[in-house]
């Protein structure tokens, strides 16, 4: 590609993020020629492309020194009505995000492990709180109290989606409780479906394919990417098709495969076995 585009990572990066108005990358960068350097059309990072070659001036991009970059996320909020259900995952997303925001100094490993355990416990309590609140509202208030014979949910003014329970089983609380007990299960299934849909659409990407000794297999391009014409979507930064829970060698805890050498580096040779030391059999006293 003609022109100049800073693709280095060293130095200082001025990162600009637009607000809820969804300013395009050209407006965020104050530059007419933005170029996508990471991500895709949904979310991506853009940098300035200069048609006349390397620029000059106090605000120009200098490789390895400074650059201006924009993060565009406006397409996350665009789409059908079902995309608004993603807000149900917001508390759990913040809980997961807090795990990766933990500082990981060289020392303090025990304190980090205690903090990670506390975060996992918080996530479990958050899930239990949601399930408990839905269970109390559906099973106790609706299934046990409101739909009993002679109660408010059995009147003609009550909504149809609760009135039918009182009309059919007003005197049989066991059946009402069995039906309303399905509501918490449906909520958990809904959250799982939303999370899986988000992961498949925005987060999943195949890790680079490598050979037995870290080499690129036949049919793959540079960097382990698939050759032109292959049916493979371009991998998104920082995501993989399957999680890898053995990332402690990088000091970052669970992370996707391909993120560190302890997960996917095939060039790392296994530790050599220690030579065994065999003791000679004991001799009886007086023998030579």
C-alpha atoms as a PDB file:
ATOM      1  CA  UNK A   1       0.000   0.000   0.000  1.00  0.00           C
ATOM      2  CA  UNK A   2       1.352   3.416  -0.995  1.00  0.00           C
ATOM      3  CA  UNK A   3       1.593   6.186   1.532  1.00  0.00           C
ATOM      4  CA  UNK A   4       2.596   5.927   5.182  1.00  0.00           C
ATOM      5  CA  UNK A   5       0.937   4.066   8.061  1.00  0.00           C
ATOM      6  CA  UNK A   6       2.608   3.681  11.440  1.00  0.00           C
ATOM      7  CA  UNK A   7       2.227   0.034  12.473  1.00  0.00           C
ATOM      8  CA  UNK A   8       4.768   0.032  15.305  1.00  0.00           C
ATOM      9  CA  UNK A   9       3.900  -0.500  18.964  1.00  0.00           C
ATOM     10  CA  UNK A  10       6.727   1.177  20.840  1.00  0.00           C
ATOM     11  CA  UNK A  11       6.566   4.654  22.307  1.00  0.00           C
ATOM     12  CA  UNK A  12       3.447   6.608  23.279  1.00  0.00           C
ATOM     13  CA  UNK A  13      -0.020   5.923  21.853  1.00  0.00           C
ATOM     14  CA  UNK A  14      -2.692   8.605  22.076  1.00  0.00           C
ATOM     15  CA  UNK A  15      -5.874   6.553  22.199  1.00  0.00           C
ATOM     16  CA  UNK A  16      -9.136   8.318  21.382  1.00  0.00           C
ATOM     17  CA  UNK A  17     -12.537   6.721  22.064  1.00  0.00           C
ATOM     18  CA  UNK A  18     -15.793   8.222  20.839  1.00  0.00           C
ATOM     19  CA  UNK A  19     -18.937   8.624  22.915  1.00  0.00           C
ATOM     20  CA  UNK A  20     -22.500   7.442  22.494  1.00  0.00           C
ATOM     21  CA  UNK A  21     -22.992   9.549  19.365  1.00  0.00           C
ATOM     22  CA  UNK A  22     -20.811   7.111  17.399  1.00  0.00           C
ATOM     23  CA  UNK A  23     -18.343   9.513  15.831  1.00  0.00           C
ATOM     24  CA  UNK A  24     -16.646   7.845  12.831  1.00  0.00           C
ATOM     25  CA  UNK A  25     -12.912   7.159  12.997  1.00  0.00           C
ATOM     26  CA  UNK A  26     -12.139  10.048  10.633  1.00  0.00           C
ATOM     27  CA  UNK A  27     -13.731  12.512  13.030  1.00  0.00           C
ATOM     28  CA  UNK A  28     -12.148  10.937  16.103  1.00  0.00           C
ATOM     29  CA  UNK A  29      -8.679  11.101  14.573  1.00  0.00           C
ATOM     30  CA  UNK A  30      -9.204  14.506  12.908  1.00  0.00           C
ATOM     31  CA  UNK A  31      -7.809  12.909   9.778  1.00  0.00           C
ATOM     32  CA  UNK A  32      -9.538  12.150   6.469  1.00  0.00           C
ATOM     33  CA  UNK A  33      -7.843   8.779   5.869  1.00  0.00           C
ATOM     34  CA  UNK A  34      -8.227   6.345   8.798  1.00  0.00           C
ATOM     35  CA  UNK A  35      -7.061   2.767   8.360  1.00  0.00           C
ATOM     36  CA  UNK A  36      -8.109  -0.294  10.356  1.00  0.00           C
ATOM     37  CA  UNK A  37      -5.093  -1.844  12.112  1.00  0.00           C
ATOM     38  CA  UNK A  38      -6.849  -4.289  14.495  1.00  0.00           C
ATOM     39  CA  UNK A  39     -10.354  -5.644  14.943  1.00  0.00           C
ATOM     40  CA  UNK A  40     -13.172  -5.640  12.406  1.00  0.00           C
ATOM     41  CA  UNK A  41     -16.242  -3.677  11.412  1.00  0.00           C
ATOM     42  CA  UNK A  42     -17.912  -4.189  14.797  1.00  0.00           C
ATOM     43  CA  UNK A  43     -15.086  -2.912  16.983  1.00  0.00           C
ATOM     44  CA  UNK A  44     -11.691  -1.870  15.753  1.00  0.00           C
ATOM     45  CA  UNK A  45      -8.599   0.276  16.174  1.00  0.00           C
ATOM     46  CA  UNK A  46      -7.791   2.855  13.519  1.00  0.00           C
ATOM     47  CA  UNK A  47      -4.686   4.874  12.738  1.00  0.00           C
ATOM     48  CA  UNK A  48      -3.948   7.701  10.345  1.00  0.00           C
ATOM     49  CA  UNK A  49      -2.802   6.933   6.816  1.00  0.00           C
ATOM     50  CA  UNK A  50      -0.771   9.578   5.053  1.00  0.00           C
ATOM     51  CA  UNK A  51      -0.970   9.552   1.252  1.00  0.00           C
ATOM     52  CA  UNK A  52       2.121  11.699   0.786  1.00  0.00           C
ATOM     53  CA  UNK A  53       4.476   9.542   2.843  1.00  0.00           C
ATOM     54  CA  UNK A  54       5.846  10.097   6.361  1.00  0.00           C
ATOM     55  CA  UNK A  55       4.428  13.361   7.744  1.00  0.00           C
ATOM     56  CA  UNK A  56       6.162  16.111   9.663  1.00  0.00           C
ATOM     57  CA  UNK A  57       5.018  18.390  12.436  1.00  0.00           C
ATOM     58  CA  UNK A  58       4.436  18.278  16.183  1.00  0.00           C
ATOM     59  CA  UNK A  59       1.344  16.029  15.882  1.00  0.00           C
ATOM     60  CA  UNK A  60       2.604  13.638  13.219  1.00  0.00           C
ATOM     61  CA  UNK A  61       2.980   9.900  13.755  1.00  0.00           C
ATOM     62  CA  UNK A  62       6.588   8.886  14.347  1.00  0.00           C
ATOM     63  CA  UNK A  63       7.302   5.113  14.249  1.00  0.00           C
ATOM     64  CA  UNK A  64       8.440   3.836  17.610  1.00  0.00           C
ATOM     65  CA  UNK A  65       7.958   7.235  19.274  1.00  0.00           C
ATOM     66  CA  UNK A  66       4.340   8.422  19.145  1.00  0.00           C
ATOM     67  CA  UNK A  67       1.116   7.871  17.222  1.00  0.00           C
ATOM     68  CA  UNK A  68      -2.587   8.669  17.347  1.00  0.00           C
ATOM     69  CA  UNK A  69      -5.103   5.840  17.460  1.00  0.00           C
ATOM     70  CA  UNK A  70      -8.897   5.629  17.642  1.00  0.00           C
ATOM     71  CA  UNK A  71     -11.098   2.873  19.020  1.00  0.00           C
ATOM     72  CA  UNK A  72     -14.518   2.569  17.348  1.00  0.00           C
ATOM     73  CA  UNK A  73     -17.226   0.572  19.121  1.00  0.00           C
ATOM     74  CA  UNK A  74     -20.373   2.153  17.707  1.00  0.00           C
ATOM     75  CA  UNK A  75     -21.544  -0.991  15.905  1.00  0.00           C
ATOM     76  CA  UNK A  76     -21.885  -2.835  19.207  1.00  0.00           C
ATOM     77  CA  UNK A  77     -25.091  -0.913  19.896  1.00  0.00           C
ATOM     78  CA  UNK A  78     -26.500  -1.127  16.383  1.00  0.00           C
ATOM     79  CA  UNK A  79     -28.674  -3.974  15.168  1.00  0.00           C
ATOM     80  CA  UNK A  80     -32.005  -5.550  16.018  1.00  0.00           C
ATOM     81  CA  UNK A  81     -33.962  -5.282  19.215  1.00  0.00           C
ATOM     82  CA  UNK A  82     -32.507  -8.504  20.562  1.00  0.00           C
ATOM     83  CA  UNK A  83     -29.099  -6.859  20.942  1.00  0.00           C
ATOM     84  CA  UNK A  84     -30.491  -4.810  23.845  1.00  0.00           C
ATOM     85  CA  UNK A  85     -30.657  -8.044  25.853  1.00  0.00           C
ATOM     86  CA  UNK A  86     -26.888  -7.815  26.114  1.00  0.00           C
ATOM     87  CA  UNK A  87     -27.446  -5.427  29.037  1.00  0.00           C
ATOM     88  CA  UNK A  88     -28.439  -8.471  31.098  1.00  0.00           C
ATOM     89  CA  UNK A  89     -24.831  -9.611  30.871  1.00  0.00           C
ATOM     90  CA  UNK A  90     -23.372  -6.276  32.012  1.00  0.00           C
ATOM     91  CA  UNK A  91     -22.918  -7.178  35.730  1.00  0.00           C
ATOM     92  CA  UNK A  92     -21.222 -10.438  34.797  1.00  0.00           C
ATOM     93  CA  UNK A  93     -19.079  -8.680  32.198  1.00  0.00           C
ATOM     94  CA  UNK A  94     -17.817  -6.230  34.813  1.00  0.00           C
ATOM     95  CA  UNK A  95     -17.059  -9.112  37.172  1.00  0.00           C
ATOM     96  CA  UNK A  96     -15.034 -10.861  34.454  1.00  0.00           C
ATOM     97  CA  UNK A  97     -13.296  -7.630  33.520  1.00  0.00           C
ATOM     98  CA  UNK A  98     -12.150  -7.051  37.085  1.00  0.00           C
ATOM     99  CA  UNK A  99     -10.161 -10.287  36.931  1.00  0.00           C
ATOM    100  CA  UNK A 100      -7.997  -9.051  34.075  1.00  0.00           C
ATOM    101  CA  UNK A 101      -7.578  -5.614  35.694  1.00  0.00           C
ATOM    102  CA  UNK A 102      -5.683  -7.039  38.642  1.00  0.00           C
ATOM    103  CA  UNK A 103      -2.066  -5.849  38.871  1.00  0.00           C
ATOM    104  CA  UNK A 104       0.361  -8.728  38.628  1.00  0.00           C
ATOM    105  CA  UNK A 105       3.693  -7.705  40.103  1.00  0.00           C
ATOM    106  CA  UNK A 106       6.613 -10.049  40.326  1.00  0.00           C
ATOM    107  CA  UNK A 107       6.010 -10.475  44.041  1.00  0.00           C
ATOM    108  CA  UNK A 108       2.783 -10.920  45.938  1.00  0.00           C
ATOM    109  CA  UNK A 109       1.716 -14.198  44.317  1.00  0.00           C
ATOM    110  CA  UNK A 110      -0.178 -15.375  47.386  1.00  0.00           C
ATOM    111  CA  UNK A 111      -2.105 -12.128  47.673  1.00  0.00           C
ATOM    112  CA  UNK A 112      -2.993 -12.341  43.998  1.00  0.00           C
ATOM    113  CA  UNK A 113      -4.303 -15.888  44.402  1.00  0.00           C
ATOM    114  CA  UNK A 114      -6.436 -14.810  47.369  1.00  0.00           C
ATOM    115  CA  UNK A 115      -7.828 -11.904  45.349  1.00  0.00           C
ATOM    116  CA  UNK A 116      -8.602 -14.172  42.403  1.00  0.00           C
ATOM    117  CA  UNK A 117     -10.418 -16.596  44.694  1.00  0.00           C
ATOM    118  CA  UNK A 118     -12.433 -13.702  46.145  1.00  0.00           C
ATOM    119  CA  UNK A 119     -13.407 -12.593  42.646  1.00  0.00           C
ATOM    120  CA  UNK A 120     -14.557 -16.077  41.708  1.00  0.00           C
ATOM    121  CA  UNK A 121     -16.606 -16.197  44.905  1.00  0.00           C
ATOM    122  CA  UNK A 122     -18.127 -12.814  44.026  1.00  0.00           C
ATOM    123  CA  UNK A 123     -19.095 -14.104  40.581  1.00  0.00           C
ATOM    124  CA  UNK A 124     -20.718 -17.155  42.152  1.00  0.00           C
ATOM    125  CA  UNK A 125     -22.631 -14.988  44.631  1.00  0.00           C
ATOM    126  CA  UNK A 126     -23.717 -12.686  41.805  1.00  0.00           C
ATOM    127  CA  UNK A 127     -25.161 -15.620  39.901  1.00  0.00           C
ATOM    128  CA  UNK A 128     -26.810 -16.985  43.038  1.00  0.00           C
ATOM    129  CA  UNK A 129     -28.341 -13.598  43.814  1.00  0.00           C
ATOM    130  CA  UNK A 130     -29.904 -13.393  40.367  1.00  0.00           C
ATOM    131  CA  UNK A 131     -31.266 -16.942  40.496  1.00  0.00           C
ATOM    132  CA  UNK A 132     -32.546 -16.421  44.041  1.00  0.00           C
ATOM    133  CA  UNK A 133     -34.351 -13.190  43.161  1.00  0.00           C
ATOM    134  CA  UNK A 134     -36.014 -14.749  40.121  1.00  0.00           C
ATOM    135  CA  UNK A 135     -36.965 -17.840  42.144  1.00  0.00           C
ATOM    136  CA  UNK A 136     -38.548 -15.776  44.900  1.00  0.00           C
ATOM    137  CA  UNK A 137     -40.522 -13.671  42.439  1.00  0.00           C
ATOM    138  CA  UNK A 138     -41.705 -16.578  40.269  1.00  0.00           C
ATOM    139  CA  UNK A 139     -42.111 -19.475  42.699  1.00  0.00           C
ATOM    140  CA  UNK A 140     -43.058 -17.707  45.929  1.00  0.00           C
ATOM    141  CA  UNK A 141     -44.975 -14.612  44.863  1.00  0.00           C
ATOM    142  CA  UNK A 142     -46.629 -15.992  41.728  1.00  0.00           C
ATOM    143  CA  UNK A 143     -46.705 -19.778  42.090  1.00  0.00           C
ATOM    144  CA  UNK A 144     -47.467 -20.011  45.809  1.00  0.00           C
ATOM    145  CA  UNK A 145     -49.313 -16.831  46.766  1.00  0.00           C
ATOM    146  CA  UNK A 146     -50.831 -14.885  43.892  1.00  0.00           C
ATOM    147  CA  UNK A 147     -52.266 -17.792  41.849  1.00  0.00           C
ATOM    148  CA  UNK A 148     -53.882 -19.598  44.784  1.00  0.00           C
ATOM    149  CA  UNK A 149     -57.647 -19.956  44.701  1.00  0.00           C
ATOM    150  CA  UNK A 150     -59.384 -16.677  45.548  1.00  0.00           C
ATOM    151  CA  UNK A 151     -56.190 -14.572  45.238  1.00  0.00           C
ATOM    152  CA  UNK A 152     -55.615 -11.551  43.001  1.00  0.00           C
ATOM    153  CA  UNK A 153     -54.055 -13.469  40.083  1.00  0.00           C
ATOM    154  CA  UNK A 154     -57.226 -15.513  39.617  1.00  0.00           C
ATOM    155  CA  UNK A 155     -59.453 -12.484  38.894  1.00  0.00           C
ATOM    156  CA  UNK A 156     -60.474 -11.493  35.399  1.00  0.00           C
ATOM    157  CA  UNK A 157     -58.425  -8.294  35.684  1.00  0.00           C
ATOM    158  CA  UNK A 158     -55.196 -10.241  36.165  1.00  0.00           C
ATOM    159  CA  UNK A 159     -52.814 -10.761  33.204  1.00  0.00           C
ATOM    160  CA  UNK A 160     -53.507 -13.894  31.205  1.00  0.00           C
ATOM    161  CA  UNK A 161     -49.983 -15.246  31.628  1.00  0.00           C
ATOM    162  CA  UNK A 162     -50.586 -15.738  35.395  1.00  0.00           C
ATOM    163  CA  UNK A 163     -54.366 -16.114  35.484  1.00  0.00           C
ATOM    164  CA  UNK A 164     -54.335 -19.473  33.741  1.00  0.00           C
ATOM    165  CA  UNK A 165     -52.364 -21.031  36.593  1.00  0.00           C
ATOM    166  CA  UNK A 166     -55.059 -20.104  39.075  1.00  0.00           C
ATOM    167  CA  UNK A 167     -57.839 -21.236  36.757  1.00  0.00           C
ATOM    168  CA  UNK A 168     -56.310 -24.667  36.143  1.00  0.00           C
ATOM    169  CA  UNK A 169     -54.608 -25.495  39.447  1.00  0.00           C
ATOM    170  CA  UNK A 170     -55.884 -23.000  41.982  1.00  0.00           C
ATOM    171  CA  UNK A 171     -56.255 -25.745  44.598  1.00  0.00           C
ATOM    172  CA  UNK A 172     -53.109 -27.697  43.586  1.00  0.00           C
ATOM    173  CA  UNK A 173     -50.055 -25.734  44.753  1.00  0.00           C
ATOM    174  CA  UNK A 174     -47.616 -28.490  43.812  1.00  0.00           C
ATOM    175  CA  UNK A 175     -48.377 -28.146  40.118  1.00  0.00           C
ATOM    176  CA  UNK A 176     -48.208 -24.353  40.269  1.00  0.00           C
ATOM    177  CA  UNK A 177     -44.824 -24.518  41.937  1.00  0.00           C
ATOM    178  CA  UNK A 178     -43.578 -27.041  39.375  1.00  0.00           C
ATOM    179  CA  UNK A 179     -44.525 -24.732  36.501  1.00  0.00           C
ATOM    180  CA  UNK A 180     -43.125 -21.545  38.042  1.00  0.00           C
ATOM    181  CA  UNK A 181     -39.899 -23.349  38.966  1.00  0.00           C
ATOM    182  CA  UNK A 182     -39.103 -23.417  35.246  1.00  0.00           C
ATOM    183  CA  UNK A 183     -38.743 -19.619  35.176  1.00  0.00           C
ATOM    184  CA  UNK A 184     -35.317 -19.476  36.919  1.00  0.00           C
ATOM    185  CA  UNK A 185     -34.101 -22.247  34.635  1.00  0.00           C
ATOM    186  CA  UNK A 186     -35.245 -20.311  31.573  1.00  0.00           C
ATOM    187  CA  UNK A 187     -33.447 -17.187  32.823  1.00  0.00           C
ATOM    188  CA  UNK A 188     -30.178 -19.104  33.196  1.00  0.00           C
ATOM    189  CA  UNK A 189     -30.607 -20.610  29.726  1.00  0.00           C
ATOM    190  CA  UNK A 190     -31.312 -17.135  28.311  1.00  0.00           C
ATOM    191  CA  UNK A 191     -28.138 -15.717  29.845  1.00  0.00           C
ATOM    192  CA  UNK A 192     -26.131 -18.668  28.551  1.00  0.00           C
ATOM    193  CA  UNK A 193     -27.556 -18.200  25.059  1.00  0.00           C
ATOM    194  CA  UNK A 194     -26.771 -14.481  25.047  1.00  0.00           C
ATOM    195  CA  UNK A 195     -23.239 -15.079  26.269  1.00  0.00           C
ATOM    196  CA  UNK A 196     -22.630 -17.787  23.689  1.00  0.00           C
ATOM    197  CA  UNK A 197     -24.051 -15.622  20.894  1.00  0.00           C
ATOM    198  CA  UNK A 198     -21.811 -12.732  21.913  1.00  0.00           C
ATOM    199  CA  UNK A 199     -18.786 -15.015  22.060  1.00  0.00           C
ATOM    200  CA  UNK A 200     -19.466 -16.529  18.648  1.00  0.00           C
ATOM    201  CA  UNK A 201     -20.093 -13.164  17.022  1.00  0.00           C
ATOM    202  CA  UNK A 202     -17.512 -10.860  18.629  1.00  0.00           C
ATOM    203  CA  UNK A 203     -14.877 -12.849  20.516  1.00  0.00           C
ATOM    204  CA  UNK A 204     -14.127 -16.209  18.929  1.00  0.00           C
ATOM    205  CA  UNK A 205     -11.157 -16.492  16.580  1.00  0.00           C
ATOM    206  CA  UNK A 206      -9.007 -19.426  15.551  1.00  0.00           C
ATOM    207  CA  UNK A 207      -5.432 -19.344  16.937  1.00  0.00           C
ATOM    208  CA  UNK A 208      -2.596 -19.335  14.399  1.00  0.00           C
ATOM    209  CA  UNK A 209      -1.869 -22.835  13.094  1.00  0.00           C
ATOM    210  CA  UNK A 210       1.661 -24.096  13.686  1.00  0.00           C
ATOM    211  CA  UNK A 211       3.451 -27.261  12.772  1.00  0.00           C
ATOM    212  CA  UNK A 212       5.136 -29.775  14.991  1.00  0.00           C
ATOM    213  CA  UNK A 213       8.207 -27.576  15.513  1.00  0.00           C
ATOM    214  CA  UNK A 214       6.615 -24.136  15.424  1.00  0.00           C
ATOM    215  CA  UNK A 215       6.734 -23.894  11.623  1.00  0.00           C
ATOM    216  CA  UNK A 216       3.865 -22.795   9.426  1.00  0.00           C
ATOM    217  CA  UNK A 217       2.115 -25.828   7.900  1.00  0.00           C
ATOM    218  CA  UNK A 218       1.595 -26.124   4.155  1.00  0.00           C
ATOM    219  CA  UNK A 219      -1.275 -24.020   2.869  1.00  0.00           C
ATOM    220  CA  UNK A 220      -0.859 -21.311   5.497  1.00  0.00           C
ATOM    221  CA  UNK A 221       0.397 -17.833   4.909  1.00  0.00           C
ATOM    222  CA  UNK A 222       2.701 -15.659   6.907  1.00  0.00           C
ATOM    223  CA  UNK A 223       2.159 -15.679  10.639  1.00  0.00           C
ATOM    224  CA  UNK A 224       0.241 -18.940  10.539  1.00  0.00           C
ATOM    225  CA  UNK A 225      -2.733 -17.424   8.757  1.00  0.00           C
ATOM    226  CA  UNK A 226      -4.684 -19.382   6.214  1.00  0.00           C
ATOM    227  CA  UNK A 227      -3.736 -19.072   2.609  1.00  0.00           C
ATOM    228  CA  UNK A 228      -5.845 -16.909   0.295  1.00  0.00           C
ATOM    229  CA  UNK A 229      -9.044 -18.646  -0.695  1.00  0.00           C
ATOM    230  CA  UNK A 230      -9.369 -20.638   2.524  1.00  0.00           C
ATOM    231  CA  UNK A 231     -12.658 -20.417   4.379  1.00  0.00           C
ATOM    232  CA  UNK A 232     -11.312 -18.883   7.555  1.00  0.00           C
ATOM    233  CA  UNK A 233     -12.335 -15.661   9.226  1.00  0.00           C
ATOM    234  CA  UNK A 234      -9.536 -13.276  10.187  1.00  0.00           C
ATOM    235  CA  UNK A 235      -8.665 -13.732  13.859  1.00  0.00           C
ATOM    236  CA  UNK A 236      -9.554 -10.903  16.169  1.00  0.00           C
ATOM    237  CA  UNK A 237      -6.943  -9.591  18.590  1.00  0.00           C
ATOM    238  CA  UNK A 238      -6.752 -11.242  21.974  1.00  0.00           C
ATOM    239  CA  UNK A 239      -9.334 -13.950  21.338  1.00  0.00           C
ATOM    240  CA  UNK A 240      -9.158 -17.655  20.562  1.00  0.00           C
ATOM    241  CA  UNK A 241     -11.552 -20.430  19.645  1.00  0.00           C
ATOM    242  CA  UNK A 242     -11.027 -22.236  22.930  1.00  0.00           C
ATOM    243  CA  UNK A 243      -9.797 -21.064  26.335  1.00  0.00           C
ATOM    244  CA  UNK A 244      -6.524 -22.157  27.829  1.00  0.00           C
ATOM    245  CA  UNK A 245      -6.312 -22.334  31.592  1.00  0.00           C
ATOM    246  CA  UNK A 246      -2.557 -22.859  31.827  1.00  0.00           C
ATOM    247  CA  UNK A 247      -1.383 -19.296  31.393  1.00  0.00           C
ATOM    248  CA  UNK A 248       0.465 -18.906  34.678  1.00  0.00           C
ATOM    249  CA  UNK A 249       3.758 -18.900  32.845  1.00  0.00           C
ATOM    250  CA  UNK A 250       2.869 -15.422  31.572  1.00  0.00           C
ATOM    251  CA  UNK A 251       1.646 -14.212  34.931  1.00  0.00           C
ATOM    252  CA  UNK A 252      -1.838 -13.430  33.627  1.00  0.00           C
ATOM    253  CA  UNK A 253      -3.982 -16.341  34.776  1.00  0.00           C
ATOM    254  CA  UNK A 254      -6.547 -17.839  32.383  1.00  0.00           C
ATOM    255  CA  UNK A 255      -6.251 -16.443  28.894  1.00  0.00           C
ATOM    256  CA  UNK A 256      -6.890 -17.645  25.335  1.00  0.00           C
ATOM    257  CA  UNK A 257      -4.524 -20.086  23.712  1.00  0.00           C
ATOM    258  CA  UNK A 258      -1.875 -18.402  21.661  1.00  0.00           C
ATOM    259  CA  UNK A 259      -1.516 -15.566  24.140  1.00  0.00           C
ATOM    260  CA  UNK A 260       1.652 -16.857  25.699  1.00  0.00           C
ATOM    261  CA  UNK A 261       4.368 -19.391  25.119  1.00  0.00           C
ATOM    262  CA  UNK A 262       3.347 -21.632  27.998  1.00  0.00           C
ATOM    263  CA  UNK A 263       0.127 -22.525  26.155  1.00  0.00           C
ATOM    264  CA  UNK A 264       0.948 -23.075  22.530  1.00  0.00           C
ATOM    265  CA  UNK A 265       4.651 -22.765  21.975  1.00  0.00           C
ATOM    266  CA  UNK A 266       5.661 -26.115  20.447  1.00  0.00           C
ATOM    267  CA  UNK A 267       9.293 -25.108  20.285  1.00  0.00           C
ATOM    268  CA  UNK A 268       9.667 -25.470  24.027  1.00  0.00           C
ATOM    269  CA  UNK A 269      11.355 -28.789  24.615  1.00  0.00           C
ATOM    270  CA  UNK A 270      10.266 -30.904  27.558  1.00  0.00           C
ATOM    271  CA  UNK A 271      12.573 -31.003  30.556  1.00  0.00           C
ATOM    272  CA  UNK A 272      15.270 -33.630  30.286  1.00  0.00           C
ATOM    273  CA  UNK A 273      14.840 -36.538  32.678  1.00  0.00           C
ATOM    274  CA  UNK A 274      17.165 -36.668  35.630  1.00  0.00           C
ATOM    275  CA  UNK A 275      19.670 -39.510  35.622  1.00  0.00           C
ATOM    276  CA  UNK A 276      18.628 -42.250  37.972  1.00  0.00           C
ATOM    277  CA  UNK A 277      20.998 -43.215  40.740  1.00  0.00           C
ATOM    278  CA  UNK A 278      20.964 -46.846  41.656  1.00  0.00           C
ATOM    279  CA  UNK A 279      22.398 -47.939  44.921  1.00  0.00           C
ATOM    280  CA  UNK A 280      24.555 -51.004  44.964  1.00  0.00           C
ATOM    281  CA  UNK A 281      23.187 -53.859  47.036  1.00  0.00           C
ATOM    282  CA  UNK A 282      24.420 -53.973  50.616  1.00  0.00           C
ATOM    283  CA  UNK A 283      27.234 -56.387  51.293  1.00  0.00           C
ATOM    284  CA  UNK A 284      27.273 -58.631  54.302  1.00  0.00           C
ATOM    285  CA  UNK A 285      29.711 -57.716  57.089  1.00  0.00           C
ATOM    286  CA  UNK A 286      33.212 -59.062  56.581  1.00  0.00           C
ATOM    287  CA  UNK A 287      32.946 -59.387  52.749  1.00  0.00           C
ATOM    288  CA  UNK A 288      35.202 -57.536  50.341  1.00  0.00           C
END
